[in-house]
Amino acid sequence: ADNRWAVLTKIHHCIADGIATTQVLAKFSDNGADTS
């Protein structure tokens, strides 16, 4: 609703913890690998 859409990303825990998972998600975004 309200002119929105969503992206759900799932990653096995053997690959990444919380911080590493958010870094992967950031690389999917337009912001890329900028973690500053």
Full PDB file with SEQRES, HELIX, SHEET, SSBOND, CRYST1, ORIGX, SCALE, CONECT and MASTER records, all heavy atoms in Angstrom:
SEQRES   1 A   36  ALA ASP ASN ARG TRP ALA VAL LEU THR LYS ILE HIS HIS          
SEQRES   2 A   36  CYS ILE ALA ASP GLY ILE ALA THR THR GLN VAL LEU ALA          
SEQRES   3 A   36  LYS PHE SER ASP ASN GLY ALA ASP THR SER                      
HELIX    1 AA1 GLY A   18  PHE A   28  1                                  11    
CRYST1    1.000    1.000    1.000  90.00  90.00  90.00 P 1           1          
ORIGX1      1.000000  0.000000  0.000000        0.00000                         
ORIGX2      0.000000  1.000000  0.000000        0.00000                         
ORIGX3      0.000000  0.000000  1.000000        0.00000                         
SCALE1      1.000000  0.000000  0.000000        0.00000                         
SCALE2      0.000000  1.000000  0.000000        0.00000                         
SCALE3      0.000000  0.000000  1.000000        0.00000                         
ATOM      1  N   ALA A   1       0.836  -1.200   0.000  1.00  0.00           N  
ATOM      2  CA  ALA A   1       0.000   0.000   0.000  1.00  0.00           C  
ATOM      3  C   ALA A   1       0.872   1.252   0.000  1.00  0.00           C  
ATOM      4  O   ALA A   1       2.075   1.194   0.260  1.00  0.00           O  
ATOM      5  CB  ALA A   1      -0.911  -0.012   1.227  1.00  0.00           C  
ATOM      6  N   ASP A   2       0.270   2.369  -0.301  1.00  0.00           N  
ATOM      7  CA  ASP A   2       0.918   3.686  -0.245  1.00  0.00           C  
ATOM      8  C   ASP A   2       2.083   3.810  -1.223  1.00  0.00           C  
ATOM      9  O   ASP A   2       3.118   4.403  -0.893  1.00  0.00           O  
ATOM     10  CB  ASP A   2       1.392   4.007   1.177  1.00  0.00           C  
ATOM     11  CG  ASP A   2       0.263   4.010   2.190  1.00  0.00           C  
ATOM     12  OD1 ASP A   2      -0.799   4.563   1.863  1.00  0.00           O  
ATOM     13  OD2 ASP A   2       0.446   3.468   3.290  1.00  0.00           O  
ATOM     14  N   ASN A   3       1.941   3.218  -2.401  1.00  0.00           N  
ATOM     15  CA  ASN A   3       2.938   3.375  -3.462  1.00  0.00           C  
ATOM     16  C   ASN A   3       4.323   2.927  -3.008  1.00  0.00           C  
ATOM     17  O   ASN A   3       5.314   3.637  -3.160  1.00  0.00           O  
ATOM     18  CB  ASN A   3       2.985   4.838  -3.935  1.00  0.00           C  
ATOM     19  CG  ASN A   3       3.803   5.015  -5.202  1.00  0.00           C  
ATOM     20  OD1 ASN A   3       3.811   4.156  -6.076  1.00  0.00           O  
ATOM     21  ND2 ASN A   3       4.503   6.141  -5.306  1.00  0.00           N  
ATOM     22  N   ARG A   4       4.397   1.732  -2.448  1.00  0.00           N  
ATOM     23  CA  ARG A   4       5.672   1.194  -1.970  1.00  0.00           C  
ATOM     24  C   ARG A   4       5.883  -0.205  -2.522  1.00  0.00           C  
ATOM     25  O   ARG A   4       4.953  -0.866  -2.977  1.00  0.00           O  
ATOM     26  CB  ARG A   4       5.698   1.135  -0.439  1.00  0.00           C  
ATOM     27  CG  ARG A   4       5.545   2.475   0.274  1.00  0.00           C  
ATOM     28  CD  ARG A   4       5.379   2.274   1.780  1.00  0.00           C  
ATOM     29  NE  ARG A   4       4.204   1.467   2.065  1.00  0.00           N  
ATOM     30  CZ  ARG A   4       4.038   0.732   3.178  1.00  0.00           C  
ATOM     31  NH1 ARG A   4       4.990   0.715   4.089  1.00  0.00           N  
ATOM     32  NH2 ARG A   4       2.940   0.026   3.348  1.00  0.00           N  
ATOM     33  N   TRP A   5       7.117  -0.656  -2.465  1.00  0.00           N  
ATOM     34  CA  TRP A   5       7.472  -2.041  -2.774  1.00  0.00           C  
ATOM     35  C   TRP A   5       8.576  -2.450  -1.816  1.00  0.00           C  
ATOM     36  O   TRP A   5       9.049  -1.637  -1.017  1.00  0.00           O  
ATOM     37  CB  TRP A   5       7.906  -2.194  -4.234  1.00  0.00           C  
ATOM     38  CG  TRP A   5       8.984  -1.274  -4.701  1.00  0.00           C  
ATOM     39  CD1 TRP A   5       8.880   0.069  -4.918  1.00  0.00           C  
ATOM     40  CD2 TRP A   5      10.329  -1.629  -5.026  1.00  0.00           C  
ATOM     41  NE1 TRP A   5      10.075   0.582  -5.349  1.00  0.00           N  
ATOM     42  CE2 TRP A   5      10.985  -0.425  -5.429  1.00  0.00           C  
ATOM     43  CE3 TRP A   5      11.044  -2.812  -5.043  1.00  0.00           C  
ATOM     44  CZ2 TRP A   5      12.323  -0.399  -5.829  1.00  0.00           C  
ATOM     45  CZ3 TRP A   5      12.378  -2.785  -5.452  1.00  0.00           C  
ATOM     46  CH2 TRP A   5      13.000  -1.602  -5.822  1.00  0.00           C  
ATOM     47  N   ALA A   6       8.972  -3.709  -1.836  1.00  0.00           N  
ATOM     48  CA  ALA A   6       9.920  -4.200  -0.836  1.00  0.00           C  
ATOM     49  C   ALA A   6      10.873  -5.217  -1.446  1.00  0.00           C  
ATOM     50  O   ALA A   6      10.582  -5.834  -2.479  1.00  0.00           O  
ATOM     51  CB  ALA A   6       9.177  -4.819   0.343  1.00  0.00           C  
ATOM     52  N   VAL A   7      12.006  -5.370  -0.798  1.00  0.00           N  
ATOM     53  CA  VAL A   7      12.984  -6.394  -1.157  1.00  0.00           C  
ATOM     54  C   VAL A   7      13.355  -7.150   0.112  1.00  0.00           C  
ATOM     55  O   VAL A   7      13.767  -6.541   1.107  1.00  0.00           O  
ATOM     56  CB  VAL A   7      14.248  -5.782  -1.793  1.00  0.00           C  
ATOM     57  CG1 VAL A   7      15.287  -6.876  -2.053  1.00  0.00           C  
ATOM     58  CG2 VAL A   7      13.906  -5.062  -3.082  1.00  0.00           C  
ATOM     59  N   LEU A   8      13.170  -8.460   0.092  1.00  0.00           N  
ATOM     60  CA  LEU A   8      13.574  -9.312   1.205  1.00  0.00           C  
ATOM     61  C   LEU A   8      14.820 -10.087   0.793  1.00  0.00           C  
ATOM     62  O   LEU A   8      14.820 -10.762  -0.239  1.00  0.00           O  
ATOM     63  CB  LEU A   8      12.464 -10.287   1.594  1.00  0.00           C  
ATOM     64  CG  LEU A   8      12.729 -11.182   2.816  1.00  0.00           C  
ATOM     65  CD1 LEU A   8      11.409 -11.574   3.482  1.00  0.00           C  
ATOM     66  CD2 LEU A   8      13.500 -12.461   2.472  1.00  0.00           C  
ATOM     67  N   THR A   9      15.871  -9.981   1.589  1.00  0.00           N  
ATOM     68  CA  THR A   9      17.114 -10.705   1.332  1.00  0.00           C  
ATOM     69  C   THR A   9      17.382 -11.646   2.494  1.00  0.00           C  
ATOM     70  O   THR A   9      17.314 -11.223   3.648  1.00  0.00           O  
ATOM     71  CB  THR A   9      18.297  -9.740   1.169  1.00  0.00           C  
ATOM     72  OG1 THR A   9      17.979  -8.775   0.162  1.00  0.00           O  
ATOM     73  CG2 THR A   9      19.560 -10.491   0.770  1.00  0.00           C  
ATOM     74  N   LYS A  10      17.671 -12.911   2.199  1.00  0.00           N  
ATOM     75  CA  LYS A  10      18.015 -13.874   3.243  1.00  0.00           C  
ATOM     76  C   LYS A  10      19.361 -14.516   2.915  1.00  0.00           C  
ATOM     77  O   LYS A  10      19.652 -14.834   1.757  1.00  0.00           O  
ATOM     78  CB  LYS A  10      16.914 -14.930   3.406  1.00  0.00           C  
ATOM     79  CG  LYS A  10      16.577 -15.707   2.159  1.00  0.00           C  
ATOM     80  CD  LYS A  10      15.335 -16.575   2.341  1.00  0.00           C  
ATOM     81  CE  LYS A  10      15.549 -17.745   3.257  1.00  0.00           C  
ATOM     82  NZ  LYS A  10      14.420 -18.714   3.224  1.00  0.00           N  
ATOM     83  N   ILE A  11      20.166 -14.681   3.951  1.00  0.00           N  
ATOM     84  CA  ILE A  11      21.520 -15.210   3.825  1.00  0.00           C  
ATOM     85  C   ILE A  11      21.737 -16.226   4.937  1.00  0.00           C  
ATOM     86  O   ILE A  11      21.352 -15.984   6.085  1.00  0.00           O  
ATOM     87  CB  ILE A  11      22.568 -14.082   3.938  1.00  0.00           C  
ATOM     88  CG1 ILE A  11      22.318 -13.000   2.898  1.00  0.00           C  
ATOM     89  CG2 ILE A  11      23.986 -14.624   3.808  1.00  0.00           C  
ATOM     90  CD1 ILE A  11      23.193 -11.768   3.081  1.00  0.00           C  
ATOM     91  N   HIS A  12      22.360 -17.337   4.626  1.00  0.00           N  
ATOM     92  CA  HIS A  12      22.601 -18.339   5.668  1.00  0.00           C  
ATOM     93  C   HIS A  12      23.569 -17.796   6.712  1.00  0.00           C  
ATOM     94  O   HIS A  12      24.534 -17.106   6.394  1.00  0.00           O  
ATOM     95  CB  HIS A  12      23.153 -19.635   5.073  1.00  0.00           C  
ATOM     96  CG  HIS A  12      22.966 -20.800   5.995  1.00  0.00           C  
ATOM     97  ND1 HIS A  12      23.752 -21.026   7.110  1.00  0.00           N  
ATOM     98  CD2 HIS A  12      22.060 -21.817   5.969  1.00  0.00           C  
ATOM     99  CE1 HIS A  12      23.346 -22.114   7.731  1.00  0.00           C  
ATOM    100  NE2 HIS A  12      22.315 -22.609   7.062  1.00  0.00           N  
ATOM    101  N   HIS A  13      23.288 -18.136   7.970  1.00  0.00           N  
ATOM    102  CA  HIS A  13      24.095 -17.620   9.075  1.00  0.00           C  
ATOM    103  C   HIS A  13      25.543 -18.109   9.015  1.00  0.00           C  
ATOM    104  O   HIS A  13      26.438 -17.484   9.606  1.00  0.00           O  
ATOM    105  CB  HIS A  13      23.462 -18.035  10.411  1.00  0.00           C  
ATOM    106  CG  HIS A  13      23.650 -17.026  11.501  1.00  0.00           C  
ATOM    107  ND1 HIS A  13      24.770 -16.228  11.599  1.00  0.00           N  
ATOM    108  CD2 HIS A  13      22.860 -16.686  12.555  1.00  0.00           C  
ATOM    109  CE1 HIS A  13      24.664 -15.449  12.662  1.00  0.00           C  
ATOM    110  NE2 HIS A  13      23.512 -15.698  13.252  1.00  0.00           N  
ATOM    111  N   CYS A  14      25.813 -19.205   8.309  1.00  0.00           N  
ATOM    112  CA  CYS A  14      27.202 -19.663   8.199  1.00  0.00           C  
ATOM    113  C   CYS A  14      28.043 -18.701   7.361  1.00  0.00           C  
ATOM    114  O   CYS A  14      29.272 -18.736   7.416  1.00  0.00           O  
ATOM    115  CB  CYS A  14      27.269 -21.074   7.611  1.00  0.00           C  
ATOM    116  SG  CYS A  14      26.950 -21.173   5.837  1.00  0.00           S  
ATOM    117  N   ILE A  15      27.388 -17.820   6.595  1.00  0.00           N  
ATOM    118  CA  ILE A  15      28.098 -16.844   5.772  1.00  0.00           C  
ATOM    119  C   ILE A  15      28.380 -15.576   6.562  1.00  0.00           C  
ATOM    120  O   ILE A  15      29.467 -14.995   6.449  1.00  0.00           O  
ATOM    121  CB  ILE A  15      27.274 -16.481   4.525  1.00  0.00           C  
ATOM    122  CG1 ILE A  15      27.154 -17.685   3.592  1.00  0.00           C  
ATOM    123  CG2 ILE A  15      27.887 -15.295   3.779  1.00  0.00           C  
ATOM    124  CD1 ILE A  15      26.324 -17.416   2.354  1.00  0.00           C  
ATOM    125  N   ALA A  16      27.421 -15.128   7.351  1.00  0.00           N  
ATOM    126  CA  ALA A  16      27.553 -13.788   7.922  1.00  0.00           C  
ATOM    127  C   ALA A  16      26.811 -13.637   9.233  1.00  0.00           C  
ATOM    128  O   ALA A  16      25.748 -14.227   9.433  1.00  0.00           O  
ATOM    129  CB  ALA A  16      27.026 -12.759   6.918  1.00  0.00           C  
ATOM    130  N   ASP A  17      27.396 -12.814  10.137  1.00  0.00           N  
ATOM    131  CA  ASP A  17      26.692 -12.376  11.329  1.00  0.00           C  
ATOM    132  C   ASP A  17      25.921 -11.104  10.988  1.00  0.00           C  
ATOM    133  O   ASP A  17      25.804 -10.726   9.810  1.00  0.00           O  
ATOM    134  CB  ASP A  17      27.673 -12.157  12.488  1.00  0.00           C  
ATOM    135  CG  ASP A  17      28.790 -11.165  12.148  1.00  0.00           C  
ATOM    136  OD1 ASP A  17      28.614 -10.347  11.215  1.00  0.00           O  
ATOM    137  OD2 ASP A  17      29.844 -11.203  12.809  1.00  0.00           O  
ATOM    138  N   GLY A  18      25.384 -10.427  12.010  1.00  0.00           N  
ATOM    139  CA  GLY A  18      24.549  -9.265  11.752  1.00  0.00           C  
ATOM    140  C   GLY A  18      25.261  -8.158  11.003  1.00  0.00           C  
ATOM    141  O   GLY A  18      24.734  -7.605  10.030  1.00  0.00           O  
ATOM    142  N   ILE A  19      26.471  -7.802  11.447  1.00  0.00           N  
ATOM    143  CA  ILE A  19      27.206  -6.719  10.791  1.00  0.00           C  
ATOM    144  C   ILE A  19      27.554  -7.087   9.357  1.00  0.00           C  
ATOM    145  O   ILE A  19      27.392  -6.291   8.431  1.00  0.00           O  
ATOM    146  CB  ILE A  19      28.469  -6.362  11.597  1.00  0.00           C  
ATOM    147  CG1 ILE A  19      28.074  -5.653  12.894  1.00  0.00           C  
ATOM    148  CG2 ILE A  19      29.406  -5.479  10.782  1.00  0.00           C  
ATOM    149  CD1 ILE A  19      29.245  -5.274  13.775  1.00  0.00           C  
ATOM    150  N   ALA A  20      28.038  -8.316   9.154  1.00  0.00           N  
ATOM    151  CA  ALA A  20      28.399  -8.739   7.802  1.00  0.00           C  
ATOM    152  C   ALA A  20      27.169  -8.780   6.899  1.00  0.00           C  
ATOM    153  O   ALA A  20      27.250  -8.444   5.706  1.00  0.00           O  
ATOM    154  CB  ALA A  20      29.074 -10.106   7.838  1.00  0.00           C  
ATOM    155  N   THR A  21      26.019  -9.173   7.441  1.00  0.00           N  
ATOM    156  CA  THR A  21      24.794  -9.211   6.645  1.00  0.00           C  
ATOM    157  C   THR A  21      24.400  -7.812   6.190  1.00  0.00           C  
ATOM    158  O   THR A  21      24.032  -7.602   5.024  1.00  0.00           O  
ATOM    159  CB  THR A  21      23.647  -9.835   7.447  1.00  0.00           C  
ATOM    160  OG1 THR A  21      23.979 -11.185   7.774  1.00  0.00           O  
ATOM    161  CG2 THR A  21      22.356  -9.821   6.654  1.00  0.00           C  
ATOM    162  N   THR A  22      24.488  -6.839   7.093  1.00  0.00           N  
ATOM    163  CA  THR A  22      24.134  -5.475   6.698  1.00  0.00           C  
ATOM    164  C   THR A  22      25.104  -4.937   5.651  1.00  0.00           C  
ATOM    165  O   THR A  22      24.723  -4.117   4.805  1.00  0.00           O  
ATOM    166  CB  THR A  22      24.110  -4.531   7.911  1.00  0.00           C  
ATOM    167  OG1 THR A  22      25.373  -4.579   8.586  1.00  0.00           O  
ATOM    168  CG2 THR A  22      23.007  -4.908   8.873  1.00  0.00           C  
ATOM    169  N   GLN A  23      26.352  -5.394   5.692  1.00  0.00           N  
ATOM    170  CA  GLN A  23      27.304  -4.962   4.674  1.00  0.00           C  
ATOM    171  C   GLN A  23      26.947  -5.519   3.303  1.00  0.00           C  
ATOM    172  O   GLN A  23      27.073  -4.838   2.277  1.00  0.00           O  
ATOM    173  CB  GLN A  23      28.717  -5.410   5.055  1.00  0.00           C  
ATOM    174  CG  GLN A  23      29.274  -4.705   6.281  1.00  0.00           C  
ATOM    175  CD  GLN A  23      29.273  -3.199   6.112  1.00  0.00           C  
ATOM    176  OE1 GLN A  23      29.948  -2.644   5.263  1.00  0.00           O  
ATOM    177  NE2 GLN A  23      28.478  -2.519   6.928  1.00  0.00           N  
ATOM    178  N   VAL A  24      26.479  -6.766   3.276  1.00  0.00           N  
ATOM    179  CA  VAL A  24      26.030  -7.357   2.009  1.00  0.00           C  
ATOM    180  C   VAL A  24      24.830  -6.582   1.475  1.00  0.00           C  
ATOM    181  O   VAL A  24      24.753  -6.252   0.281  1.00  0.00           O  
ATOM    182  CB  VAL A  24      25.682  -8.840   2.203  1.00  0.00           C  
ATOM    183  CG1 VAL A  24      25.005  -9.402   0.953  1.00  0.00           C  
ATOM    184  CG2 VAL A  24      26.934  -9.651   2.530  1.00  0.00           C  
ATOM    185  N   LEU A  25      23.884  -6.268   2.357  1.00  0.00           N  
ATOM    186  CA  LEU A  25      22.701  -5.525   1.928  1.00  0.00           C  
ATOM    187  C   LEU A  25      23.079  -4.145   1.406  1.00  0.00           C  
ATOM    188  O   LEU A  25      22.482  -3.649   0.442  1.00  0.00           O  
ATOM    189  CB  LEU A  25      21.720  -5.399   3.103  1.00  0.00           C  
ATOM    190  CG  LEU A  25      21.156  -6.718   3.642  1.00  0.00           C  
ATOM    191  CD1 LEU A  25      20.280  -6.457   4.851  1.00  0.00           C  
ATOM    192  CD2 LEU A  25      20.383  -7.452   2.567  1.00  0.00           C  
ATOM    193  N   ALA A  26      24.071  -3.517   2.040  1.00  0.00           N  
ATOM    194  CA  ALA A  26      24.505  -2.199   1.587  1.00  0.00           C  
ATOM    195  C   ALA A  26      25.053  -2.255   0.169  1.00  0.00           C  
ATOM    196  O   ALA A  26      24.864  -1.322  -0.621  1.00  0.00           O  
ATOM    197  CB  ALA A  26      25.562  -1.638   2.543  1.00  0.00           C  
ATOM    198  N   LYS A  27      25.725  -3.353  -0.159  1.00  0.00           N  
ATOM    199  CA  LYS A  27      26.284  -3.484  -1.509  1.00  0.00           C  
ATOM    200  C   LYS A  27      25.192  -3.671  -2.564  1.00  0.00           C  
ATOM    201  O   LYS A  27      25.423  -3.426  -3.744  1.00  0.00           O  
ATOM    202  CB  LYS A  27      27.276  -4.644  -1.548  1.00  0.00           C  
ATOM    203  CG  LYS A  27      28.542  -4.360  -0.742  1.00  0.00           C  
ATOM    204  CD  LYS A  27      29.470  -5.550  -0.710  1.00  0.00           C  
ATOM    205  CE  LYS A  27      30.705  -5.255   0.126  1.00  0.00           C  
ATOM    206  NZ  LYS A  27      31.615  -6.414   0.248  1.00  0.00           N  
ATOM    207  N   PHE A  28      24.014  -4.109  -2.141  1.00  0.00           N  
ATOM    208  CA  PHE A  28      22.888  -4.191  -3.066  1.00  0.00           C  
ATOM    209  C   PHE A  28      22.312  -2.812  -3.353  1.00  0.00           C  
ATOM    210  O   PHE A  28      21.636  -2.609  -4.365  1.00  0.00           O  
ATOM    211  CB  PHE A  28      21.784  -5.080  -2.490  1.00  0.00           C  
ATOM    212  CG  PHE A  28      22.047  -6.555  -2.623  1.00  0.00           C  
ATOM    213  CD1 PHE A  28      21.248  -7.471  -1.956  1.00  0.00           C  
ATOM    214  CD2 PHE A  28      23.082  -7.041  -3.400  1.00  0.00           C  
ATOM    215  CE1 PHE A  28      21.487  -8.834  -2.075  1.00  0.00           C  
ATOM    216  CE2 PHE A  28      23.326  -8.397  -3.516  1.00  0.00           C  
ATOM    217  CZ  PHE A  28      22.518  -9.304  -2.851  1.00  0.00           C  
ATOM    218  N   SER A  29      22.516  -1.847  -2.448  1.00  0.00           N  
ATOM    219  CA  SER A  29      21.911  -0.525  -2.594  1.00  0.00           C  
ATOM    220  C   SER A  29      22.735   0.368  -3.516  1.00  0.00           C  
ATOM    221  O   SER A  29      23.866   0.043  -3.877  1.00  0.00           O  
ATOM    222  CB  SER A  29      21.772   0.136  -1.221  1.00  0.00           C  
ATOM    223  OG  SER A  29      23.042   0.555  -0.751  1.00  0.00           O  
ATOM    224  N   ASP A  30      22.165   1.521  -3.850  1.00  0.00           N  
ATOM    225  CA  ASP A  30      22.883   2.483  -4.690  1.00  0.00           C  
ATOM    226  C   ASP A  30      24.094   3.048  -3.968  1.00  0.00           C  
ATOM    227  O   ASP A  30      25.044   3.506  -4.602  1.00  0.00           O  
ATOM    228  CB  ASP A  30      21.961   3.644  -5.085  1.00  0.00           C  
ATOM    229  CG  ASP A  30      20.784   3.185  -5.934  1.00  0.00           C  
ATOM    230  OD1 ASP A  30      20.778   2.008  -6.348  1.00  0.00           O  
ATOM    231  OD2 ASP A  30      19.876   3.997  -6.169  1.00  0.00           O  
ATOM    232  N   ASN A  31      24.066   3.038  -2.636  1.00  0.00           N  
ATOM    233  CA  ASN A  31      25.182   3.565  -1.848  1.00  0.00           C  
ATOM    234  C   ASN A  31      26.425   2.704  -1.962  1.00  0.00           C  
ATOM    235  O   ASN A  31      27.524   3.132  -1.626  1.00  0.00           O  
ATOM    236  CB  ASN A  31      24.774   3.681  -0.372  1.00  0.00           C  
ATOM    237  CG  ASN A  31      23.543   4.540  -0.187  1.00  0.00           C  
ATOM    238  OD1 ASN A  31      22.477   4.226  -0.696  1.00  0.00           O  
ATOM    239  ND2 ASN A  31      23.688   5.625   0.547  1.00  0.00           N  
ATOM    240  N   GLY A  32      26.236   1.455  -2.397  1.00  0.00           N  
ATOM    241  CA  GLY A  32      27.348   0.549  -2.610  1.00  0.00           C  
ATOM    242  C   GLY A  32      28.095   0.213  -1.352  1.00  0.00           C  
ATOM    243  O   GLY A  32      27.504  -0.003  -0.298  1.00  0.00           O  
ATOM    244  N   ALA A  33      29.411   0.153  -1.447  1.00  0.00           N  
ATOM    245  CA  ALA A  33      30.236  -0.282  -0.323  1.00  0.00           C  
ATOM    246  C   ALA A  33      30.646   0.861   0.594  1.00  0.00           C  
ATOM    247  O   ALA A  33      31.521   0.701   1.443  1.00  0.00           O  
ATOM    248  CB  ALA A  33      31.490  -0.983  -0.839  1.00  0.00           C  
ATOM    249  N   ASP A  34      30.043   2.042   0.445  1.00  0.00           N  
ATOM    250  CA  ASP A  34      30.386   3.171   1.300  1.00  0.00           C  
ATOM    251  C   ASP A  34      29.844   2.925   2.705  1.00  0.00           C  
ATOM    252  O   ASP A  34      28.638   2.979   2.932  1.00  0.00           O  
ATOM    253  CB  ASP A  34      29.799   4.465   0.729  1.00  0.00           C  
ATOM    254  CG  ASP A  34      30.094   5.677   1.605  1.00  0.00           C  
ATOM    255  OD1 ASP A  34      30.973   5.564   2.483  1.00  0.00           O  
ATOM    256  OD2 ASP A  34      29.446   6.716   1.398  1.00  0.00           O  
ATOM    257  N   THR A  35      30.725   2.637   3.646  1.00  0.00           N  
ATOM    258  CA  THR A  35      30.309   2.339   5.020  1.00  0.00           C  
ATOM    259  C   THR A  35      30.715   3.446   5.988  1.00  0.00           C  
ATOM    260  O   THR A  35      30.714   3.256   7.187  1.00  0.00           O  
ATOM    261  CB  THR A  35      30.933   1.015   5.486  1.00  0.00           C  
ATOM    262  OG1 THR A  35      32.372   1.124   5.391  1.00  0.00           O  
ATOM    263  CG2 THR A  35      30.463  -0.143   4.629  1.00  0.00           C  
ATOM    264  N   SER A  36      31.047   4.620   5.462  1.00  0.00           N  
ATOM    265  CA  SER A  36      31.524   5.699   6.314  1.00  0.00           C  
ATOM    266  C   SER A  36      30.455   6.223   7.258  1.00  0.00           C  
ATOM    267  O   SER A  36      30.763   6.853   8.267  1.00  0.00           O  
ATOM    268  CB  SER A  36      32.052   6.849   5.457  1.00  0.00           C  
ATOM    269  OG  SER A  36      31.019   7.349   4.612  1.00  0.00           O  
TER     270      SER A  36                                                      
MASTER        0    0    0    1    0    0    0    6  269    1    0    3          
END                                                                             
